[in-house]
Amino acid sequence: MVAEDIVGRDFNIRVLGLNFHRVIFPVSFSIILLLVLLALSNPVVFGETLEGIKGWILKNFDWFIIIMGNLAVLFCAGLALSPLGKVRLGGRDAKAEFSTLSWFSMMFAAGMGVGLLYWGVAEPVAQYTAWWKTPLNVTASTPEAAHAAMGATLYHWGFHPWAIYLTSALVVGYFSYNKGLPLSLSSGLQPLLGRGHRGLPGQVVDVFTVVLSIFGLATSLGLGAMQATAGIAYVLGTPNTFAFQLMFIVAVTCLAAFSLWRGLDAGVKVLSNINMLLALVLFLLVAVGIGGMAFFSNTLNAAVDYGQMFLPLSNWIDRPDQDWFQGWTVFYWAWWCTWGPLVGIFVARVSKGRTLRQMVGMVMLAPTVVTLLWFSAFGGGAIAQVIDGSGALAAGLSDVNMAIFQFLEMLPLAGIGSLLVVALLVFFMVTSVDSGALVIDNLSAGGDPNTLPVQRVLWLVMIALVTVTLFVIGGDTALKGIQAGAVAMGLPFMALMLLLMIGLVKGLIEDCRS
């Protein structure tokens, strides 16, 4: 039995061929509309209120957020090492729908592509120069700070975020493909609630997921547009006007709609493969540009730094660097949670036929290795420029949006590298929005993965409209207010994640005994 066979027909309504859950869709839409109207009524007050809530949560629940991030890593590693790791999504005879390369490309592009471009240079330099404090209060701009900067950056982008994504993916994939339940997080509550997971508790979870995903995508698209257009203006010498930023959002939406209409195989997969090819070219350009020996040395040192910093940064008790801890690590964990359901459900959607052990290897281990190589080239090379006093980065971070372009300026073929960054910013944003629209569409249809292409595109248009509306009327104040609200929602998501872990283990053990 597969998910589409049992998606509750009594729960869905069909209008002009469109398929919506009679509770999840209208409630989600109403909450989104209400929050947008509140954001637009007074962007400053709205933003300050949500920033206050976010700050209170990060300060008072930092211990719980850090514990859950650590638990996610241990949970995924434990599943892989246990006999349960042999369980295959879809059953023993299930075949993988996508090649390993395409599978990895889609997952990576959806989960982290834009972030690595934006922070690949900026975060290591920020941690080294104390742009906003330093990890463990090391003295800025010292050899110790260089090691701490690389270790902390890899800590933020390595095992932990992918474990948060993977936990959602394992839950959704197992209960959908092995138990015939809808492709949604609420299905993970089935071992705990029985058929009640289809009732009010499950509907609350799915509404929460839709709202969280919409606002996570909208803020990323809006703020990402400002970052990307600043880079495009820098490279091409064009003015970075408000109209240009809106045009960028429209262009990304149109490209995403075309890709989404073509579907996973002919659209999202092809674009993701192009992304990874372009990213590989850019990576090789930088690795060769900083020098092969320098890159090799950076990689070895960064791996050691990550290992040495892992346990100290995972500790939440009596931290000497409380401001840095809450402003960086706790914020990151909460922000990854805004993308946790979105990326997790998308990863589950493309992972049928894979074992749980394979998923841990490809969704948690492989991206961490790629992250290590990426930051060794970009971050290690950038710190070297700061130390040598060469280029604009020698003065520290003047503009985070420009950091990667300022870094590339000091390398051979800088123009080609900058153009590649611009292209990747566009394509990575397209694939992220694509995967998000697919997930939101599935959820709004009660977990049905087989909706019409036009319905998926309609959700994409809604994401763009929310972004543009906030952008035009409220500017970055409204967008950052919504972002603060989404980050604040990371706390209840982590509480939900704990229940989903328990439900998954219970379901797997019952399966093995039967």
Protein backbone atom coordinates (compact mmCIF):
# COMPACT_ATOMS: atom_id res chain seq x y z
CA MET A 1 0.00 0.00 0.00
CA VAL A 2 1.31 3.45 -0.85
CA ALA A 3 0.43 6.84 0.52
CA GLU A 4 -1.83 7.91 -2.29
CA ASP A 5 -4.02 4.85 -1.79
CA ILE A 6 -5.09 5.84 1.70
CA VAL A 7 -5.04 9.62 1.68
CA GLY A 8 -8.36 10.27 3.35
CA ARG A 9 -10.91 10.86 0.64
CA ASP A 10 -13.38 12.04 3.25
CA PHE A 11 -10.95 14.74 4.36
CA ASN A 12 -10.27 16.27 0.94
CA ILE A 13 -12.24 18.55 -1.35
CA ARG A 14 -11.80 18.77 -5.10
CA VAL A 15 -12.45 21.92 -7.07
CA LEU A 16 -11.69 22.20 -10.80
CA GLY A 17 -9.35 19.25 -10.53
CA LEU A 18 -7.47 20.69 -7.54
CA ASN A 19 -7.18 18.57 -4.43
CA PHE A 20 -7.08 20.19 -0.98
CA HIS A 21 -7.47 18.91 2.57
CA ARG A 22 -10.68 20.38 3.97
CA VAL A 23 -8.99 21.47 7.24
CA ILE A 24 -5.26 21.90 6.57
CA PHE A 25 -5.64 24.13 3.50
CA PRO A 26 -8.18 26.72 4.76
CA VAL A 27 -6.70 26.95 8.26
CA SER A 28 -3.16 27.31 6.94
CA PHE A 29 -4.24 29.91 4.40
CA SER A 30 -6.12 31.89 7.07
CA ILE A 31 -3.17 31.93 9.46
CA ILE A 32 -0.78 32.99 6.68
CA LEU A 33 -3.14 35.78 5.60
CA LEU A 34 -3.59 36.97 9.19
CA LEU A 35 0.16 37.09 9.88
CA VAL A 36 0.85 38.91 6.61
CA LEU A 37 -1.81 41.51 7.44
CA LEU A 38 -0.36 41.96 10.93
CA ALA A 39 3.11 42.36 9.46
CA LEU A 40 1.88 44.99 7.02
CA SER A 41 -0.29 46.92 9.49
CA ASN A 42 2.74 48.08 11.44
CA PRO A 43 5.99 46.44 10.27
CA VAL A 44 8.14 48.05 12.97
CA VAL A 45 5.96 47.01 15.93
CA PHE A 46 5.33 43.58 14.39
CA GLY A 47 9.05 43.04 13.82
CA GLU A 48 10.01 44.24 17.29
CA THR A 49 7.38 42.01 18.91
CA LEU A 50 8.53 38.87 17.11
CA GLU A 51 12.19 39.75 17.63
CA GLY A 52 11.41 40.01 21.35
CA ILE A 53 9.71 36.60 21.35
CA LYS A 54 12.59 35.09 19.40
CA GLY A 55 15.16 36.59 21.77
CA TRP A 56 13.28 35.33 24.83
CA ILE A 57 13.11 31.80 23.40
CA LEU A 58 16.77 31.73 22.38
CA LYS A 59 17.80 32.97 25.83
CA ASN A 60 15.55 30.84 28.01
CA PHE A 61 15.38 27.63 26.00
CA ASP A 62 18.92 27.55 24.63
CA TRP A 63 19.56 24.40 26.69
CA PHE A 64 16.64 22.52 25.13
CA ILE A 65 17.47 23.64 21.60
CA ILE A 66 21.11 22.55 21.94
CA ILE A 67 20.16 19.24 23.56
CA MET A 68 17.75 18.45 20.73
CA GLY A 69 20.35 19.31 18.08
CA ASN A 70 22.81 16.95 19.77
CA LEU A 71 20.12 14.30 20.17
CA ALA A 72 19.29 14.45 16.46
CA VAL A 73 22.92 13.62 15.60
CA LEU A 74 23.02 10.74 18.09
CA PHE A 75 19.62 9.48 16.97
CA CYS A 76 20.55 9.31 13.28
CA ALA A 77 23.96 7.78 13.98
CA GLY A 78 22.38 5.23 16.33
CA LEU A 79 19.84 4.16 13.71
CA ALA A 80 22.58 3.70 11.12
CA LEU A 81 24.73 1.58 13.43
CA SER A 82 21.84 -0.53 14.73
CA PRO A 83 20.16 -3.46 12.95
CA LEU A 84 17.27 -1.08 12.21
CA GLY A 85 19.51 0.64 9.66
CA LYS A 86 18.79 -2.20 7.23
CA VAL A 87 15.14 -1.19 6.89
CA ARG A 88 14.44 -0.01 3.33
CA LEU A 89 11.95 2.73 2.49
CA GLY A 90 9.21 1.03 0.51
CA GLY A 91 10.02 -2.50 1.67
CA ARG A 92 12.73 -5.02 0.89
CA ASP A 93 12.13 -5.08 -2.85
CA ALA A 94 11.76 -1.32 -3.37
CA LYS A 95 13.95 0.21 -6.06
CA ALA A 96 15.50 3.67 -5.95
CA GLU A 97 13.72 6.17 -8.18
CA PHE A 98 16.79 8.36 -8.77
CA SER A 99 20.51 7.74 -9.26
CA THR A 100 22.76 8.39 -6.28
CA LEU A 101 24.19 11.54 -7.88
CA SER A 102 20.77 13.00 -8.71
CA TRP A 103 19.47 12.04 -5.27
CA PHE A 104 22.34 13.82 -3.55
CA SER A 105 22.12 16.84 -5.87
CA MET A 106 18.42 17.42 -5.22
CA MET A 107 18.79 16.96 -1.47
CA PHE A 108 21.83 19.22 -1.18
CA ALA A 109 20.44 21.98 -3.40
CA ALA A 110 17.20 22.05 -1.41
CA GLY A 111 18.87 22.02 1.99
CA MET A 112 21.90 24.25 1.91
CA GLY A 113 23.06 25.50 -1.50
CA VAL A 114 22.41 29.24 -1.11
CA GLY A 115 23.68 29.27 2.47
CA LEU A 116 27.11 27.94 1.52
CA LEU A 117 27.46 30.63 -1.13
CA TYR A 118 26.41 33.39 1.23
CA TRP A 119 28.31 32.26 4.34
CA GLY A 120 31.17 30.27 2.77
CA VAL A 121 33.48 33.26 3.12
CA ALA A 122 31.54 35.49 5.50
CA GLU A 123 31.17 33.20 8.52
CA PRO A 124 34.80 32.04 8.91
CA VAL A 125 35.95 35.66 8.56
CA ALA A 126 33.25 36.80 11.02
CA GLN A 127 34.32 34.22 13.61
CA TYR A 128 38.01 35.06 13.13
CA THR A 129 37.66 38.84 13.34
CA ALA A 130 34.94 38.96 16.05
CA TRP A 131 32.38 40.50 13.69
CA TRP A 132 29.90 39.31 16.34
CA LYS A 133 31.94 37.91 19.24
CA THR A 134 34.15 34.81 18.96
CA PRO A 135 33.53 31.13 19.79
CA LEU A 136 34.52 30.26 23.36
CA ASN A 137 35.77 33.85 23.74
CA VAL A 138 39.08 33.19 21.97
CA THR A 139 41.07 36.33 21.21
CA ALA A 140 40.16 37.61 17.76
CA SER A 141 42.66 37.67 14.88
CA THR A 142 45.04 35.18 16.47
CA PRO A 143 46.15 31.69 15.34
CA GLU A 144 43.79 30.26 17.96
CA ALA A 145 40.95 32.33 16.49
CA ALA A 146 41.65 30.95 13.01
CA HIS A 147 41.28 27.37 14.27
CA ALA A 148 38.21 28.25 16.35
CA ALA A 149 36.62 30.04 13.39
CA MET A 150 36.93 27.03 11.10
CA GLY A 151 35.85 24.57 13.80
CA ALA A 152 32.80 26.63 14.77
CA THR A 153 31.77 27.22 11.16
CA LEU A 154 31.90 23.52 10.36
CA TYR A 155 30.02 22.81 13.58
CA HIS A 156 27.19 25.06 12.39
CA TRP A 157 27.08 23.57 8.87
CA GLY A 158 28.08 19.95 9.45
CA PHE A 159 26.34 17.05 11.19
CA HIS A 160 23.76 18.99 13.21
CA PRO A 161 21.67 20.72 10.51
CA TRP A 162 21.61 17.64 8.34
CA ALA A 163 20.61 15.49 11.32
CA ILE A 164 17.66 17.82 11.93
CA TYR A 165 16.64 17.49 8.28
CA LEU A 166 17.27 13.74 8.29
CA THR A 167 15.13 13.08 11.35
CA SER A 168 12.10 14.48 9.52
CA ALA A 169 13.04 12.59 6.35
CA LEU A 170 13.36 9.23 8.13
CA VAL A 171 10.02 9.66 9.89
CA VAL A 172 8.09 10.76 6.83
CA GLY A 173 9.76 8.27 4.47
CA TYR A 174 9.23 5.28 6.73
CA PHE A 175 5.60 5.90 7.62
CA SER A 176 4.69 6.89 4.07
CA TYR A 177 6.45 4.20 2.05
CA ASN A 178 6.41 1.36 4.57
CA LYS A 179 3.12 1.99 6.36
CA GLY A 180 1.06 3.55 3.56
CA LEU A 181 0.41 6.76 5.48
CA PRO A 182 0.30 10.28 4.02
CA LEU A 183 3.55 12.02 3.13
CA SER A 184 3.49 14.33 6.17
CA LEU A 185 5.03 14.75 9.61
CA SER A 186 1.73 13.92 11.30
CA SER A 187 2.12 10.34 10.09
CA GLY A 188 4.99 9.95 12.54
CA LEU A 189 2.51 10.30 15.40
CA GLN A 190 0.66 7.12 14.39
CA PRO A 191 2.52 4.77 16.79
CA LEU A 192 1.72 7.17 19.65
CA LEU A 193 -1.85 8.18 18.78
CA GLY A 194 -3.15 5.38 16.57
CA ARG A 195 -5.81 6.61 14.16
CA GLY A 196 -5.86 9.84 16.15
CA HIS A 197 -2.91 11.04 14.10
CA ARG A 198 -5.42 11.78 11.32
CA GLY A 199 -7.53 13.87 13.68
CA LEU A 200 -6.99 17.20 15.39
CA PRO A 201 -3.42 16.57 16.71
CA GLY A 202 -2.18 15.52 13.27
CA GLN A 203 -3.96 18.38 11.55
CA VAL A 204 -2.38 20.87 13.98
CA VAL A 205 1.05 19.43 13.13
CA ASP A 206 0.46 19.71 9.39
CA VAL A 207 -0.96 23.24 9.61
CA PHE A 208 2.07 24.21 11.71
CA THR A 209 4.36 22.68 9.07
CA VAL A 210 2.69 24.54 6.20
CA VAL A 211 2.83 27.92 7.98
CA LEU A 212 6.44 27.37 9.09
CA SER A 213 7.49 26.36 5.58
CA ILE A 214 5.70 29.25 3.84
CA PHE A 215 7.32 31.88 6.03
CA GLY A 216 10.71 30.19 6.01
CA LEU A 217 10.62 30.22 2.20
CA ALA A 218 9.21 33.74 1.93
CA THR A 219 11.88 35.27 4.15
CA SER A 220 14.64 33.32 2.41
CA LEU A 221 13.37 34.38 -1.02
CA GLY A 222 13.00 38.03 -0.02
CA LEU A 223 16.23 38.43 1.93
CA GLY A 224 18.03 36.22 -0.60
CA ALA A 225 16.85 38.50 -3.40
CA MET A 226 18.45 41.48 -1.67
CA GLN A 227 21.69 39.55 -1.23
CA ALA A 228 21.74 38.16 -4.77
CA THR A 229 20.91 41.45 -6.49
CA ALA A 230 23.63 43.17 -4.48
CA GLY A 231 26.06 40.63 -5.88
CA ILE A 232 24.72 40.95 -9.41
CA ALA A 233 24.99 44.74 -9.22
CA TYR A 234 28.54 44.39 -7.93
CA VAL A 235 29.59 42.05 -10.75
CA LEU A 236 27.75 43.68 -13.65
CA GLY A 237 27.95 47.27 -12.46
CA THR A 238 24.17 47.78 -12.56
CA PRO A 239 22.27 49.79 -9.92
CA ASN A 240 20.77 47.65 -7.16
CA THR A 241 17.34 49.26 -7.14
CA PHE A 242 14.14 48.16 -5.44
CA ALA A 243 12.62 47.45 -8.86
CA PHE A 244 15.60 45.25 -9.72
CA GLN A 245 15.05 43.22 -6.55
CA LEU A 246 11.39 42.70 -7.40
CA MET A 247 12.33 41.67 -10.94
CA PHE A 248 14.71 39.11 -9.46
CA ILE A 249 11.95 37.59 -7.31
CA VAL A 250 9.66 37.39 -10.35
CA ALA A 251 12.42 35.82 -12.47
CA VAL A 252 13.19 33.19 -9.82
CA THR A 253 9.47 32.42 -9.48
CA CYS A 254 9.05 31.99 -13.25
CA LEU A 255 12.06 29.67 -13.50
CA ALA A 256 10.82 27.71 -10.51
CA ALA A 257 7.33 27.44 -12.02
CA PHE A 258 8.75 26.06 -15.28
CA SER A 259 10.87 23.52 -13.38
CA LEU A 260 8.00 22.58 -11.07
CA TRP A 261 5.57 22.11 -13.97
CA ARG A 262 7.98 19.64 -15.57
CA GLY A 263 8.00 17.62 -12.36
CA LEU A 264 10.69 16.00 -10.23
CA ASP A 265 12.39 13.95 -12.92
CA ALA A 266 12.40 16.37 -15.86
CA GLY A 267 12.54 19.62 -13.87
CA VAL A 268 13.87 19.64 -10.31
CA LYS A 269 16.35 16.78 -10.90
CA VAL A 270 17.83 18.33 -14.04
CA LEU A 271 18.21 21.75 -12.42
CA SER A 272 19.77 20.22 -9.29
CA ASN A 273 22.33 18.34 -11.39
CA ILE A 274 23.23 21.59 -13.19
CA ASN A 275 23.61 23.26 -9.78
CA MET A 276 26.08 20.66 -8.57
CA LEU A 277 28.09 20.84 -11.80
CA LEU A 278 28.39 24.64 -11.56
CA ALA A 279 29.23 24.41 -7.85
CA LEU A 280 31.96 21.88 -8.63
CA VAL A 281 33.47 24.20 -11.25
CA LEU A 282 33.42 27.13 -8.80
CA PHE A 283 34.94 24.98 -6.04
CA LEU A 284 37.78 23.78 -8.30
CA LEU A 285 38.40 27.36 -9.45
CA VAL A 286 38.83 28.48 -5.84
CA ALA A 287 40.81 25.42 -4.69
CA VAL A 288 43.30 25.90 -7.54
CA GLY A 289 43.28 29.67 -7.04
CA ILE A 290 44.39 29.50 -3.39
CA GLY A 291 46.94 26.79 -4.24
CA GLY A 292 46.74 23.01 -4.02
CA MET A 293 49.01 22.72 -0.98
CA ALA A 294 47.16 25.50 0.83
CA PHE A 295 43.82 23.82 0.16
CA PHE A 296 45.11 20.42 1.31
CA SER A 297 46.54 21.96 4.50
CA ASN A 298 43.30 23.90 5.12
CA THR A 299 41.26 20.72 4.79
CA LEU A 300 43.36 18.71 7.23
CA ASN A 301 43.44 21.55 9.74
CA ALA A 302 39.69 22.20 9.41
CA ALA A 303 38.86 18.53 10.00
CA VAL A 304 40.97 18.56 13.16
CA ASP A 305 39.43 21.88 14.26
CA TYR A 306 35.93 20.47 13.79
CA GLY A 307 36.77 17.43 15.87
CA GLN A 308 38.35 19.47 18.65
CA MET A 309 35.53 22.02 18.80
CA PHE A 310 32.68 19.51 18.54
CA LEU A 311 32.23 18.68 22.23
CA PRO A 312 32.99 22.14 23.67
CA LEU A 313 30.47 23.74 21.29
CA SER A 314 27.89 21.03 22.02
CA ASN A 315 27.98 21.90 25.72
CA TRP A 316 25.24 24.24 26.98
CA ILE A 317 26.24 24.45 30.66
CA ASP A 318 28.04 27.57 32.00
CA ARG A 319 29.20 28.69 28.59
CA PRO A 320 31.79 31.49 28.84
CA ASP A 321 30.66 32.86 25.45
CA GLN A 322 26.94 33.22 26.20
CA ASP A 323 26.30 36.03 23.72
CA TRP A 324 28.08 34.22 20.89
CA PHE A 325 26.44 30.92 21.87
CA GLN A 326 22.91 32.31 21.68
CA GLY A 327 23.55 34.64 18.74
CA TRP A 328 25.15 32.00 16.55
CA THR A 329 24.66 28.36 17.53
CA VAL A 330 21.24 28.52 19.20
CA PHE A 331 19.95 30.80 16.43
CA TYR A 332 21.30 28.42 13.77
CA TRP A 333 19.65 25.38 15.33
CA ALA A 334 16.32 27.21 15.51
CA TRP A 335 16.71 28.44 11.92
CA TRP A 336 17.51 24.95 10.63
CA CYS A 337 14.22 23.90 12.22
CA THR A 338 12.33 26.36 10.01
CA TRP A 339 13.63 24.33 7.08
CA GLY A 340 13.51 20.98 8.87
CA PRO A 341 10.02 19.89 7.79
CA LEU A 342 10.42 21.33 4.30
CA VAL A 343 13.78 19.71 3.50
CA GLY A 344 12.97 16.57 5.46
CA ILE A 345 9.73 15.87 3.60
CA PHE A 346 11.39 16.65 0.27
CA VAL A 347 14.29 14.30 1.05
CA ALA A 348 11.77 11.60 1.98
CA ARG A 349 9.93 12.23 -1.29
CA VAL A 350 13.06 11.42 -3.35
CA SER A 351 14.46 8.62 -1.14
CA LYS A 352 12.18 5.66 -1.78
CA GLY A 353 14.21 2.47 -2.20
CA ARG A 354 17.03 3.59 0.12
CA THR A 355 17.81 1.97 3.46
CA LEU A 356 17.87 4.04 6.64
CA ARG A 357 21.62 3.42 6.82
CA GLN A 358 22.09 4.71 3.27
CA MET A 359 20.08 7.80 4.12
CA VAL A 360 22.27 8.59 7.12
CA GLY A 361 25.35 8.16 4.93
CA MET A 362 24.06 10.31 2.09
CA VAL A 363 22.02 12.90 3.98
CA MET A 364 24.24 13.46 7.02
CA LEU A 365 27.78 12.22 6.33
CA ALA A 366 28.24 13.11 2.64
CA PRO A 367 27.05 16.75 2.99
CA THR A 368 29.38 17.20 5.97
CA VAL A 369 32.33 16.08 3.84
CA VAL A 370 31.28 18.47 1.06
CA THR A 371 30.91 21.24 3.65
CA LEU A 372 34.40 20.52 4.98
CA LEU A 373 35.90 20.81 1.49
CA TRP A 374 33.88 23.92 0.64
CA PHE A 375 34.76 25.90 3.76
CA SER A 376 38.40 24.77 3.53
CA ALA A 377 38.62 26.38 0.11
CA PHE A 378 36.48 29.48 0.65
CA GLY A 379 36.73 30.09 4.40
CA GLY A 380 40.34 28.99 4.79
CA GLY A 381 41.35 31.01 1.75
CA ALA A 382 39.49 34.07 3.04
CA ILE A 383 41.10 33.92 6.48
CA ALA A 384 44.48 33.70 4.73
CA GLN A 385 43.66 36.92 2.86
CA VAL A 386 42.77 38.64 6.14
CA ILE A 387 46.00 37.46 7.76
CA ASP A 388 48.07 38.55 4.73
CA GLY A 389 46.33 41.91 4.61
CA SER A 390 45.36 41.45 0.96
CA GLY A 391 42.14 42.66 -0.62
CA ALA A 392 39.01 44.19 0.86
CA LEU A 393 38.62 41.41 3.44
CA ALA A 394 41.78 42.56 5.18
CA ALA A 395 39.63 45.21 6.86
CA GLY A 396 37.11 42.59 8.01
CA LEU A 397 33.49 42.23 6.97
CA SER A 398 32.21 45.54 5.63
CA ASP A 399 29.25 43.97 3.82
CA VAL A 400 28.31 40.32 4.34
CA ASN A 401 26.54 40.28 0.95
CA MET A 402 29.80 41.15 -0.78
CA ALA A 403 32.19 38.90 1.12
CA ILE A 404 32.41 36.11 -1.45
CA PHE A 405 32.90 38.58 -4.31
CA GLN A 406 35.61 40.45 -2.42
CA PHE A 407 37.34 37.13 -1.79
CA LEU A 408 37.18 36.10 -5.46
CA GLU A 409 38.64 39.45 -6.55
CA MET A 410 42.04 38.37 -5.26
CA LEU A 411 42.03 35.06 -7.14
CA PRO A 412 42.75 34.24 -10.82
CA LEU A 413 39.72 34.33 -13.16
CA ALA A 414 37.82 36.45 -10.64
CA GLY A 415 35.25 37.55 -13.23
CA ILE A 416 34.35 33.98 -14.15
CA GLY A 417 34.13 33.02 -10.48
CA SER A 418 31.80 35.93 -9.71
CA LEU A 419 29.53 35.08 -12.64
CA LEU A 420 29.37 31.48 -11.41
CA VAL A 421 28.33 32.71 -7.96
CA VAL A 422 25.54 34.80 -9.48
CA ALA A 423 24.31 31.86 -11.57
CA LEU A 424 24.41 29.54 -8.57
CA LEU A 425 22.53 32.02 -6.40
CA VAL A 426 19.72 32.01 -8.93
CA PHE A 427 19.63 28.25 -9.52
CA PHE A 428 19.97 27.28 -5.86
CA MET A 429 17.13 29.64 -4.96
CA VAL A 430 14.99 28.13 -7.72
CA THR A 431 15.56 24.56 -6.50
CA SER A 432 14.93 25.55 -2.87
CA VAL A 433 11.62 27.21 -3.76
CA ASP A 434 10.71 24.27 -6.01
CA SER A 435 11.24 21.70 -3.28
CA GLY A 436 9.37 23.89 -0.80
CA ALA A 437 6.37 24.29 -3.07
CA LEU A 438 6.25 20.52 -3.62
CA VAL A 439 6.22 19.87 0.12
CA ILE A 440 3.61 22.53 0.91
CA ASP A 441 1.41 21.23 -1.89
CA ASN A 442 1.65 17.67 -0.54
CA LEU A 443 0.74 18.80 2.96
CA SER A 444 -2.16 20.99 1.87
CA ALA A 445 -3.54 17.97 0.02
CA GLY A 446 -3.44 15.85 3.18
CA GLY A 447 -0.19 14.12 2.22
CA ASP A 448 -1.17 13.24 -1.34
CA PRO A 449 2.00 13.34 -3.51
CA ASN A 450 0.12 13.09 -6.82
CA THR A 451 -1.52 16.48 -7.27
CA LEU A 452 -1.73 18.27 -10.62
CA PRO A 453 1.23 20.44 -11.74
CA VAL A 454 -0.99 23.54 -11.73
CA GLN A 455 -1.68 23.04 -8.02
CA ARG A 456 2.03 22.94 -7.20
CA VAL A 457 2.59 26.11 -9.22
CA LEU A 458 -0.27 27.84 -7.38
CA TRP A 459 1.54 27.28 -4.08
CA LEU A 460 4.70 28.62 -5.65
CA VAL A 461 2.81 31.74 -6.70
CA MET A 462 1.46 32.11 -3.15
CA ILE A 463 4.99 31.99 -1.73
CA ALA A 464 6.06 34.66 -4.22
CA LEU A 465 3.01 36.83 -3.46
CA VAL A 466 3.65 36.65 0.30
CA THR A 467 7.28 37.60 -0.36
CA VAL A 468 6.49 40.47 -2.70
CA THR A 469 3.67 41.82 -0.50
CA LEU A 470 5.89 41.90 2.56
CA PHE A 471 8.78 43.23 0.49
CA VAL A 472 6.87 46.07 -1.17
CA ILE A 473 4.90 47.32 1.82
CA GLY A 474 7.02 46.35 4.81
CA GLY A 475 10.50 46.08 3.31
CA ASP A 476 13.19 44.11 5.08
CA THR A 477 11.63 45.10 8.43
CA ALA A 478 8.54 43.01 7.73
CA LEU A 479 10.59 40.19 6.22
CA LYS A 480 12.91 40.04 9.23
CA GLY A 481 9.89 40.14 11.52
CA ILE A 482 8.43 37.09 9.78
CA GLN A 483 11.87 35.47 9.92
CA ALA A 484 12.02 36.08 13.68
CA GLY A 485 8.59 34.48 14.00
CA ALA A 486 9.72 31.45 12.00
CA VAL A 487 12.83 31.08 14.18
CA ALA A 488 10.65 31.26 17.30
CA MET A 489 8.64 28.36 15.87
CA GLY A 490 11.82 26.27 15.97
CA LEU A 491 11.19 25.57 19.66
CA PRO A 492 7.83 23.78 19.24
CA PHE A 493 9.24 21.99 16.19
CA MET A 494 12.03 20.54 18.33
CA ALA A 495 9.47 19.36 20.88
CA LEU A 496 7.60 17.72 18.00
CA MET A 497 10.86 16.21 16.74
CA LEU A 498 11.32 14.43 20.07
CA LEU A 499 7.88 12.82 19.72
CA LEU A 500 8.63 11.84 16.13
CA MET A 501 11.87 10.14 17.19
CA ILE A 502 9.98 8.10 19.79
CA GLY A 503 7.27 7.23 17.27
CA LEU A 504 9.78 6.13 14.63
CA VAL A 505 11.72 3.85 16.99
CA LYS A 506 8.46 2.37 18.28
CA GLY A 507 7.22 1.72 14.75
CA LEU A 508 10.53 0.19 13.62
CA ILE A 509 10.75 -2.12 16.62
CA GLU A 510 7.15 -3.29 16.19
CA ASP A 511 7.88 -3.94 12.53
CA CYS A 512 10.95 -6.03 13.31
CA ARG A 513 9.03 -8.11 15.85
CA SER A 514 6.15 -8.87 13.52
